[in-house]
Structures are given as C-alpha cells and as structure tokens.
Amino acid sequence: MTNEELVMNMLAELTTSNITKEEHPETMSEHARVAERGGSVAKVAKEAFEKQTGKKVVSSMSMKRYIESQQPKLELGTGEAVEIDGQEE
C-alpha cells in the first residue's frame, strides 16, 4: 500500500467516523449506508488526485515492500549493493 492509498483509506475512515458520531446509526443497514457515504468522499478525492497528477492511487504493492523499495542502498567496494539496515539485497 502506498502513501496515497493509506491517505485515501484514512479519509474514508475519518469521514465515516464523523458521520457516525453525528447521525448515530443503529441498524446494520444504517451503518452500511454511513460507510458507503464515507467511502464516496474518498472516491471523489481519489478520482480528483488521479486526474490532477496522472498517477494511479491503488497499487499491488504492500506498504512493507513500498518502504523497502524507498530505502537507499550503500555500495560496497565490491560492487555489491547492501541496504542500510544491513540486509543484503
């Protein structure tokens, strides 16, 4: 999951939580409608982000792999690249 995916998920959760606090849904169908509304806010933001940047938000990469891909590599004198945390690549 990329930072963009994480932010969109957080936006959907925050919106859903705020709607829930204001409207106090009681039944499962009411909760489902609130969740759908919260998700629609993130959907609009996602579509606007993608239109403005030309980048897709959703990726197949997990956050762990994304963070690992962002780690700088150190070049040892032998031409061997090693991650800074000491794990060989």
PDB file of N, CA and C in Angstrom:
ATOM      1  N   MET A   1       0.853  -1.177   0.000  1.00  0.00           N
ATOM      2  CA  MET A   1       0.000   0.000   0.000  1.00  0.00           C
ATOM      3  C   MET A   1       0.895   1.236   0.000  1.00  0.00           C
ATOM      4  N   THR A   2       0.615   2.146  -0.890  1.00  0.00           N
ATOM      5  CA  THR A   2       1.397   3.379  -0.987  1.00  0.00           C
ATOM      6  C   THR A   2       0.867   4.422   0.001  1.00  0.00           C
ATOM      7  N   ASN A   3       1.611   5.506   0.133  1.00  0.00           N
ATOM      8  CA  ASN A   3       1.155   6.597   1.000  1.00  0.00           C
ATOM      9  C   ASN A   3      -0.188   7.137   0.520  1.00  0.00           C
ATOM     10  N   GLU A   4      -0.352   7.233  -0.800  1.00  0.00           N
ATOM     11  CA  GLU A   4      -1.605   7.738  -1.349  1.00  0.00           C
ATOM     12  C   GLU A   4      -2.780   6.829  -0.970  1.00  0.00           C
ATOM     13  N   GLU A   5      -2.574   5.518  -1.065  1.00  0.00           N
ATOM     14  CA  GLU A   5      -3.635   4.580  -0.684  1.00  0.00           C
ATOM     15  C   GLU A   5      -3.968   4.717   0.803  1.00  0.00           C
ATOM     16  N   LEU A   6      -2.938   4.843   1.610  1.00  0.00           N
ATOM     17  CA  LEU A   6      -3.131   4.977   3.050  1.00  0.00           C
ATOM     18  C   LEU A   6      -3.930   6.234   3.375  1.00  0.00           C
ATOM     19  N   VAL A   7      -3.605   7.339   2.735  1.00  0.00           N
ATOM     20  CA  VAL A   7      -4.311   8.599   2.980  1.00  0.00           C
ATOM     21  C   VAL A   7      -5.777   8.494   2.558  1.00  0.00           C
ATOM     22  N   MET A   8      -6.035   7.882   1.421  1.00  0.00           N
ATOM     23  CA  MET A   8      -7.425   7.731   0.970  1.00  0.00           C
ATOM     24  C   MET A   8      -8.217   6.835   1.918  1.00  0.00           C
ATOM     25  N   ASN A   9      -7.588   5.769   2.414  1.00  0.00           N
ATOM     26  CA  ASN A   9      -8.252   4.909   3.399  1.00  0.00           C
ATOM     27  C   ASN A   9      -8.550   5.673   4.682  1.00  0.00           C
ATOM     28  N   MET A  10      -7.580   6.469   5.115  1.00  0.00           N
ATOM     29  CA  MET A  10      -7.779   7.254   6.336  1.00  0.00           C
ATOM     30  C   MET A  10      -8.900   8.275   6.149  1.00  0.00           C
ATOM     31  N   LEU A  11      -8.972   8.884   4.964  1.00  0.00           N
ATOM     32  CA  LEU A  11     -10.031   9.844   4.682  1.00  0.00           C
ATOM     33  C   LEU A  11     -11.401   9.172   4.751  1.00  0.00           C
ATOM     34  N   ALA A  12     -11.524   7.990   4.161  1.00  0.00           N
ATOM     35  CA  ALA A  12     -12.797   7.258   4.206  1.00  0.00           C
ATOM     36  C   ALA A  12     -13.170   6.913   5.644  1.00  0.00           C
ATOM     37  N   GLU A  13     -12.195   6.451   6.430  1.00  0.00           N
ATOM     38  CA  GLU A  13     -12.468   6.091   7.824  1.00  0.00           C
ATOM     39  C   GLU A  13     -12.832   7.306   8.666  1.00  0.00           C
ATOM     40  N   LEU A  14     -12.112   8.400   8.479  1.00  0.00           N
ATOM     41  CA  LEU A  14     -12.395   9.623   9.228  1.00  0.00           C
ATOM     42  C   LEU A  14     -13.784  10.155   8.895  1.00  0.00           C
ATOM     43  N   THR A  15     -14.111  10.180   7.619  1.00  0.00           N
ATOM     44  CA  THR A  15     -15.423  10.667   7.203  1.00  0.00           C
ATOM     45  C   THR A  15     -16.528   9.785   7.772  1.00  0.00           C
ATOM     46  N   THR A  16     -16.362   8.482   7.667  1.00  0.00           N
ATOM     47  CA  THR A  16     -17.356   7.539   8.195  1.00  0.00           C
ATOM     48  C   THR A  16     -17.522   7.705   9.698  1.00  0.00           C
ATOM     49  N   SER A  17     -16.418   7.847  10.411  1.00  0.00           N
ATOM     50  CA  SER A  17     -16.482   8.041  11.873  1.00  0.00           C
ATOM     51  C   SER A  17     -17.232   9.317  12.232  1.00  0.00           C
ATOM     52  N   ASN A  18     -16.949  10.396  11.505  1.00  0.00           N
ATOM     53  CA  ASN A  18     -17.615  11.663  11.800  1.00  0.00           C
ATOM     54  C   ASN A  18     -19.110  11.609  11.494  1.00  0.00           C
ATOM     55  N   ILE A  19     -19.478  10.976  10.387  1.00  0.00           N
ATOM     56  CA  ILE A  19     -20.900  10.830  10.074  1.00  0.00           C
ATOM     57  C   ILE A  19     -21.582   9.989  11.153  1.00  0.00           C
ATOM     58  N   THR A  20     -20.929   8.932  11.585  1.00  0.00           N
ATOM     59  CA  THR A  20     -21.482   8.055  12.630  1.00  0.00           C
ATOM     60  C   THR A  20     -21.719   8.821  13.922  1.00  0.00           C
ATOM     61  N   LYS A  21     -20.753   9.654  14.311  1.00  0.00           N
ATOM     62  CA  LYS A  21     -20.893  10.436  15.545  1.00  0.00           C
ATOM     63  C   LYS A  21     -22.037  11.434  15.461  1.00  0.00           C
ATOM     64  N   GLU A  22     -22.287  11.970  14.275  1.00  0.00           N
ATOM     65  CA  GLU A  22     -23.360  12.947  14.102  1.00  0.00           C
ATOM     66  C   GLU A  22     -24.736  12.301  13.991  1.00  0.00           C
ATOM     67  N   GLU A  23     -24.813  11.163  13.317  1.00  0.00           N
ATOM     68  CA  GLU A  23     -26.115  10.584  12.997  1.00  0.00           C
ATOM     69  C   GLU A  23     -26.524   9.405  13.872  1.00  0.00           C
ATOM     70  N   HIS A  24     -25.594   8.800  14.592  1.00  0.00           N
ATOM     71  CA  HIS A  24     -25.876   7.680  15.494  1.00  0.00           C
ATOM     72  C   HIS A  24     -26.691   6.561  14.842  1.00  0.00           C
ATOM     73  N   PRO A  25     -26.170   5.941  13.792  1.00  0.00           N
ATOM     74  CA  PRO A  25     -26.909   4.849  13.161  1.00  0.00           C
ATOM     75  C   PRO A  25     -27.079   3.691  14.146  1.00  0.00           C
ATOM     76  N   GLU A  26     -28.189   2.984  14.031  1.00  0.00           N
ATOM     77  CA  GLU A  26     -28.469   1.890  14.961  1.00  0.00           C
ATOM     78  C   GLU A  26     -28.504   0.528  14.283  1.00  0.00           C
ATOM     79  N   THR A  27     -29.073   0.462  13.103  1.00  0.00           N
ATOM     80  CA  THR A  27     -29.193  -0.840  12.443  1.00  0.00           C
ATOM     81  C   THR A  27     -27.998  -1.073  11.528  1.00  0.00           C
ATOM     82  N   MET A  28     -27.832  -2.329  11.144  1.00  0.00           N
ATOM     83  CA  MET A  28     -26.733  -2.672  10.247  1.00  0.00           C
ATOM     84  C   MET A  28     -26.892  -1.953   8.907  1.00  0.00           C
ATOM     85  N   SER A  29     -28.105  -1.841   8.412  1.00  0.00           N
ATOM     86  CA  SER A  29     -28.308  -1.162   7.123  1.00  0.00           C
ATOM     87  C   SER A  29     -27.981   0.331   7.238  1.00  0.00           C
ATOM     88  N   GLU A  30     -28.267   0.942   8.377  1.00  0.00           N
ATOM     89  CA  GLU A  30     -27.904   2.346   8.580  1.00  0.00           C
ATOM     90  C   GLU A  30     -26.386   2.505   8.619  1.00  0.00           C
ATOM     91  N   HIS A  31     -25.705   1.583   9.300  1.00  0.00           N
ATOM     92  CA  HIS A  31     -24.237   1.615   9.339  1.00  0.00           C
ATOM     93  C   HIS A  31     -23.654   1.430   7.938  1.00  0.00           C
ATOM     94  N   ALA A  32     -24.256   0.540   7.166  1.00  0.00           N
ATOM     95  CA  ALA A  32     -23.775   0.293   5.806  1.00  0.00           C
ATOM     96  C   ALA A  32     -23.915   1.548   4.946  1.00  0.00           C
ATOM     97  N   ARG A  33     -25.025   2.257   5.094  1.00  0.00           N
ATOM     98  CA  ARG A  33     -25.222   3.492   4.319  1.00  0.00           C
ATOM     99  C   ARG A  33     -24.201   4.562   4.730  1.00  0.00           C
ATOM    100  N   VAL A  34     -23.928   4.648   6.024  1.00  0.00           N
ATOM    101  CA  VAL A  34     -22.921   5.614   6.501  1.00  0.00           C
ATOM    102  C   VAL A  34     -21.547   5.252   5.936  1.00  0.00           C
ATOM    103  N   ALA A  35     -21.204   3.975   5.950  1.00  0.00           N
ATOM    104  CA  ALA A  35     -19.911   3.541   5.415  1.00  0.00           C
ATOM    105  C   ALA A  35     -19.813   3.837   3.923  1.00  0.00           C
ATOM    106  N   GLU A  36     -20.890   3.646   3.205  1.00  0.00           N
ATOM    107  CA  GLU A  36     -20.902   3.941   1.776  1.00  0.00           C
ATOM    108  C   GLU A  36     -20.687   5.432   1.532  1.00  0.00           C
ATOM    109  N   ARG A  37     -21.317   6.260   2.336  1.00  0.00           N
ATOM    110  CA  ARG A  37     -21.145   7.709   2.197  1.00  0.00           C
ATOM    111  C   ARG A  37     -19.713   8.122   2.511  1.00  0.00           C
ATOM    112  N   GLY A  38     -19.138   7.548   3.563  1.00  0.00           N
ATOM    113  CA  GLY A  38     -17.748   7.850   3.902  1.00  0.00           C
ATOM    114  C   GLY A  38     -16.799   7.441   2.794  1.00  0.00           C
ATOM    115  N   GLY A  39     -17.044   6.266   2.229  1.00  0.00           N
ATOM    116  CA  GLY A  39     -16.218   5.792   1.125  1.00  0.00           C
ATOM    117  C   GLY A  39     -16.358   6.649  -0.116  1.00  0.00           C
ATOM    118  N   SER A  40     -17.544   7.206  -0.323  1.00  0.00           N
ATOM    119  CA  SER A  40     -17.747   8.036  -1.521  1.00  0.00           C
ATOM    120  C   SER A  40     -16.929   9.325  -1.454  1.00  0.00           C
ATOM    121  N   VAL A  41     -16.704   9.829  -0.256  1.00  0.00           N
ATOM    122  CA  VAL A  41     -15.856  11.026  -0.108  1.00  0.00           C
ATOM    123  C   VAL A  41     -14.436  10.698  -0.564  1.00  0.00           C
ATOM    124  N   ALA A  42     -13.916   9.559  -0.130  1.00  0.00           N
ATOM    125  CA  ALA A  42     -12.572   9.149  -0.539  1.00  0.00           C
ATOM    126  C   ALA A  42     -12.517   8.855  -2.033  1.00  0.00           C
ATOM    127  N   LYS A  43     -13.595   8.315  -2.585  1.00  0.00           N
ATOM    128  CA  LYS A  43     -13.630   8.029  -4.017  1.00  0.00           C
ATOM    129  C   LYS A  43     -13.502   9.314  -4.825  1.00  0.00           C
ATOM    130  N   VAL A  44     -14.227  10.355  -4.411  1.00  0.00           N
ATOM    131  CA  VAL A  44     -14.146  11.641  -5.106  1.00  0.00           C
ATOM    132  C   VAL A  44     -12.723  12.196  -5.001  1.00  0.00           C
ATOM    133  N   ALA A  45     -12.132  12.112  -3.813  1.00  0.00           N
ATOM    134  CA  ALA A  45     -10.762  12.608  -3.618  1.00  0.00           C
ATOM    135  C   ALA A  45      -9.774  11.805  -4.458  1.00  0.00           C
ATOM    136  N   LYS A  46      -9.942  10.491  -4.505  1.00  0.00           N
ATOM    137  CA  LYS A  46      -9.067   9.619  -5.297  1.00  0.00           C
ATOM    138  C   LYS A  46      -9.143   9.991  -6.774  1.00  0.00           C
ATOM    139  N   GLU A  47     -10.351  10.145  -7.284  1.00  0.00           N
ATOM    140  CA  GLU A  47     -10.513  10.485  -8.691  1.00  0.00           C
ATOM    141  C   GLU A  47      -9.911  11.855  -9.012  1.00  0.00           C
ATOM    142  N   ALA A  48     -10.079  12.821  -8.120  1.00  0.00           N
ATOM    143  CA  ALA A  48      -9.502  14.150  -8.332  1.00  0.00           C
ATOM    144  C   ALA A  48      -7.977  14.077  -8.299  1.00  0.00           C
ATOM    145  N   PHE A  49      -7.427  13.318  -7.352  1.00  0.00           N
ATOM    146  CA  PHE A  49      -5.973  13.150  -7.251  1.00  0.00           C
ATOM    147  C   PHE A  49      -5.423  12.545  -8.540  1.00  0.00           C
ATOM    148  N   GLU A  50      -6.054  11.471  -9.010  1.00  0.00           N
ATOM    149  CA  GLU A  50      -5.576  10.795 -10.214  1.00  0.00           C
ATOM    150  C   GLU A  50      -5.671  11.706 -11.443  1.00  0.00           C
ATOM    151  N   LYS A  51      -6.730  12.490 -11.522  1.00  0.00           N
ATOM    152  CA  LYS A  51      -6.899  13.404 -12.659  1.00  0.00           C
ATOM    153  C   LYS A  51      -5.827  14.492 -12.644  1.00  0.00           C
ATOM    154  N   GLN A  52      -5.548  15.039 -11.457  1.00  0.00           N
ATOM    155  CA  GLN A  52      -4.593  16.144 -11.350  1.00  0.00           C
ATOM    156  C   GLN A  52      -3.143  15.694 -11.507  1.00  0.00           C
ATOM    157  N   THR A  53      -2.823  14.489 -11.022  1.00  0.00           N
ATOM    158  CA  THR A  53      -1.425  14.035 -11.029  1.00  0.00           C
ATOM    159  C   THR A  53      -1.088  13.074 -12.150  1.00  0.00           C
ATOM    160  N   GLY A  54      -2.118  12.430 -12.708  1.00  0.00           N
ATOM    161  CA  GLY A  54      -1.861  11.410 -13.715  1.00  0.00           C
ATOM    162  C   GLY A  54      -1.344  10.112 -13.125  1.00  0.00           C
ATOM    163  N   LYS A  55      -1.348  10.012 -11.792  1.00  0.00           N
ATOM    164  CA  LYS A  55      -0.876   8.806 -11.097  1.00  0.00           C
ATOM    165  C   LYS A  55      -2.068   8.027 -10.564  1.00  0.00           C
ATOM    166  N   LYS A  56      -1.970   6.695 -10.607  1.00  0.00           N
ATOM    167  CA  LYS A  56      -2.979   5.843 -10.003  1.00  0.00           C
ATOM    168  C   LYS A  56      -2.722   5.747  -8.502  1.00  0.00           C
ATOM    169  N   VAL A  57      -3.786   5.719  -7.716  1.00  0.00           N
ATOM    170  CA  VAL A  57      -3.659   5.614  -6.264  1.00  0.00           C
ATOM    171  C   VAL A  57      -3.489   4.156  -5.849  1.00  0.00           C
ATOM    172  N   VAL A  58      -4.289   3.273  -6.402  1.00  0.00           N
ATOM    173  CA  VAL A  58      -4.283   1.870  -5.992  1.00  0.00           C
ATOM    174  C   VAL A  58      -3.125   1.146  -6.665  1.00  0.00           C
ATOM    175  N   SER A  59      -2.373   0.392  -5.863  1.00  0.00           N
ATOM    176  CA  SER A  59      -1.256  -0.382  -6.386  1.00  0.00           C
ATOM    177  C   SER A  59      -1.327  -1.799  -5.822  1.00  0.00           C
ATOM    178  N   SER A  60      -0.534  -2.663  -6.383  1.00  0.00           N
ATOM    179  CA  SER A  60      -0.470  -4.037  -5.880  1.00  0.00           C
ATOM    180  C   SER A  60       0.621  -4.182  -4.820  1.00  0.00           C
ATOM    181  N   MET A  61       1.323  -3.097  -4.533  1.00  0.00           N
ATOM    182  CA  MET A  61       2.442  -3.154  -3.595  1.00  0.00           C
ATOM    183  C   MET A  61       1.964  -3.044  -2.148  1.00  0.00           C
ATOM    184  N   SER A  62       2.510  -3.884  -1.290  1.00  0.00           N
ATOM    185  CA  SER A  62       2.217  -3.771   0.130  1.00  0.00           C
ATOM    186  C   SER A  62       3.043  -2.622   0.713  1.00  0.00           C
ATOM    187  N   MET A  63       2.618  -2.066   1.840  1.00  0.00           N
ATOM    188  CA  MET A  63       3.358  -0.955   2.450  1.00  0.00           C
ATOM    189  C   MET A  63       4.773  -1.393   2.812  1.00  0.00           C
ATOM    190  N   LYS A  64       4.922  -2.618   3.273  1.00  0.00           N
ATOM    191  CA  LYS A  64       6.257  -3.107   3.631  1.00  0.00           C
ATOM    192  C   LYS A  64       7.173  -3.087   2.414  1.00  0.00           C
ATOM    193  N   ARG A  65       6.704  -3.596   1.285  1.00  0.00           N
ATOM    194  CA  ARG A  65       7.534  -3.600   0.076  1.00  0.00           C
ATOM    195  C   ARG A  65       7.788  -2.179  -0.412  1.00  0.00           C
ATOM    196  N   TYR A  66       6.799  -1.295  -0.278  1.00  0.00           N
ATOM    197  CA  TYR A  66       6.979   0.095  -0.690  1.00  0.00           C
ATOM    198  C   TYR A  66       8.080   0.755   0.132  1.00  0.00           C
ATOM    199  N   ILE A  67       8.023   0.590   1.448  1.00  0.00           N
ATOM    200  CA  ILE A  67       9.043   1.183   2.324  1.00  0.00           C
ATOM    201  C   ILE A  67      10.411   0.603   1.999  1.00  0.00           C
ATOM    202  N   GLU A  68      10.474  -0.709   1.803  1.00  0.00           N
ATOM    203  CA  GLU A  68      11.748  -1.341   1.459  1.00  0.00           C
ATOM    204  C   GLU A  68      12.295  -0.798   0.143  1.00  0.00           C
ATOM    205  N   SER A  69      11.419  -0.523  -0.823  1.00  0.00           N
ATOM    206  CA  SER A  69      11.872  -0.015  -2.118  1.00  0.00           C
ATOM    207  C   SER A  69      12.393   1.411  -2.002  1.00  0.00           C
ATOM    208  N   GLN A  70      12.004   2.131  -0.955  1.00  0.00           N
ATOM    209  CA  GLN A  70      12.436   3.510  -0.770  1.00  0.00           C
ATOM    210  C   GLN A  70      13.740   3.633   0.010  1.00  0.00           C
ATOM    211  N   GLN A  71      14.220   2.515   0.588  1.00  0.00           N
ATOM    212  CA  GLN A  71      15.445   2.540   1.377  1.00  0.00           C
ATOM    213  C   GLN A  71      16.655   2.734   0.470  1.00  0.00           C
ATOM    214  N   PRO A  72      17.522   3.684   0.801  1.00  0.00           N
ATOM    215  CA  PRO A  72      18.733   3.872  -0.010  1.00  0.00           C
ATOM    216  C   PRO A  72      19.671   2.682   0.156  1.00  0.00           C
ATOM    217  N   LYS A  73      20.434   2.394  -0.880  1.00  0.00           N
ATOM    218  CA  LYS A  73      21.390   1.289  -0.867  1.00  0.00           C
ATOM    219  C   LYS A  73      22.799   1.866  -0.758  1.00  0.00           C
ATOM    220  N   LEU A  74      23.652   1.159  -0.044  1.00  0.00           N
ATOM    221  CA  LEU A  74      25.062   1.535   0.054  1.00  0.00           C
ATOM    222  C   LEU A  74      25.861   0.652  -0.886  1.00  0.00           C
ATOM    223  N   GLU A  75      26.787   1.246  -1.577  1.00  0.00           N
ATOM    224  CA  GLU A  75      27.640   0.497  -2.487  1.00  0.00           C
ATOM    225  C   GLU A  75      28.911   0.126  -1.739  1.00  0.00           C
ATOM    226  N   LEU A  76      29.156  -1.177  -1.633  1.00  0.00           N
ATOM    227  CA  LEU A  76      30.401  -1.645  -1.034  1.00  0.00           C
ATOM    228  C   LEU A  76      31.451  -1.664  -2.128  1.00  0.00           C
ATOM    229  N   GLY A  77      32.710  -1.597  -1.792  1.00  0.00           N
ATOM    230  CA  GLY A  77      33.783  -1.551  -2.773  1.00  0.00           C
ATOM    231  C   GLY A  77      33.750  -2.692  -3.774  1.00  0.00           C
ATOM    232  N   THR A  78      32.995  -3.740  -3.490  1.00  0.00           N
ATOM    233  CA  THR A  78      32.958  -4.911  -4.362  1.00  0.00           C
ATOM    234  C   THR A  78      31.885  -4.815  -5.435  1.00  0.00           C
ATOM    235  N   GLY A  79      31.157  -3.710  -5.501  1.00  0.00           N
ATOM    236  CA  GLY A  79      30.069  -3.587  -6.455  1.00  0.00           C
ATOM    237  C   GLY A  79      28.783  -4.199  -5.943  1.00  0.00           C
ATOM    238  N   GLU A  80      28.816  -4.641  -4.694  1.00  0.00           N
ATOM    239  CA  GLU A  80      27.639  -5.267  -4.085  1.00  0.00           C
ATOM    240  C   GLU A  80      26.818  -4.203  -3.376  1.00  0.00           C
ATOM    241  N   ALA A  81      25.515  -4.155  -3.663  1.00  0.00           N
ATOM    242  CA  ALA A  81      24.633  -3.186  -3.020  1.00  0.00           C
ATOM    243  C   ALA A  81      24.026  -3.820  -1.770  1.00  0.00           C
ATOM    244  N   VAL A  82      24.044  -3.052  -0.680  1.00  0.00           N
ATOM    245  CA  VAL A  82      23.503  -3.527   0.597  1.00  0.00           C
ATOM    246  C   VAL A  82      22.584  -2.456   1.133  1.00  0.00           C
ATOM    247  N   GLU A  83      21.445  -2.885   1.683  1.00  0.00           N
ATOM    248  CA  GLU A  83      20.535  -1.929   2.309  1.00  0.00           C
ATOM    249  C   GLU A  83      21.181  -1.381   3.569  1.00  0.00           C
ATOM    250  N   ILE A  84      20.794  -0.162   3.923  1.00  0.00           N
ATOM    251  CA  ILE A  84      21.376   0.497   5.092  1.00  0.00           C
ATOM    252  C   ILE A  84      21.109  -0.282   6.364  1.00  0.00           C
ATOM    253  N   ASP A  85      19.957  -0.948   6.471  1.00  0.00           N
ATOM    254  CA  ASP A  85      19.684  -1.685   7.699  1.00  0.00           C
ATOM    255  C   ASP A  85      20.498  -2.968   7.807  1.00  0.00           C
ATOM    256  N   GLY A  86      21.365  -3.231   6.826  1.00  0.00           N
ATOM    257  CA  GLY A  86      22.270  -4.349   6.911  1.00  0.00           C
ATOM    258  C   GLY A  86      21.814  -5.596   6.188  1.00  0.00           C
ATOM    259  N   GLN A  87      20.608  -5.640   5.682  1.00  0.00           N
ATOM    260  CA  GLN A  87      20.139  -6.813   4.968  1.00  0.00           C
ATOM    261  C   GLN A  87      20.639  -6.736   3.542  1.00  0.00           C
ATOM    262  N   GLU A  88      21.282  -7.799   3.098  1.00  0.00           N
ATOM    263  CA  GLU A  88      21.804  -7.805   1.737  1.00  0.00           C
ATOM    264  C   GLU A  88      20.690  -7.868   0.733  1.00  0.00           C
ATOM    265  N   GLU A  89      20.922  -7.279  -0.388  1.00  0.00           N
ATOM    266  CA  GLU A  89      19.943  -7.278  -1.485  1.00  0.00           C
ATOM    267  C   GLU A  89      20.400  -8.232  -2.550  1.00  0.00           C
TER     268      GLU A  89
END
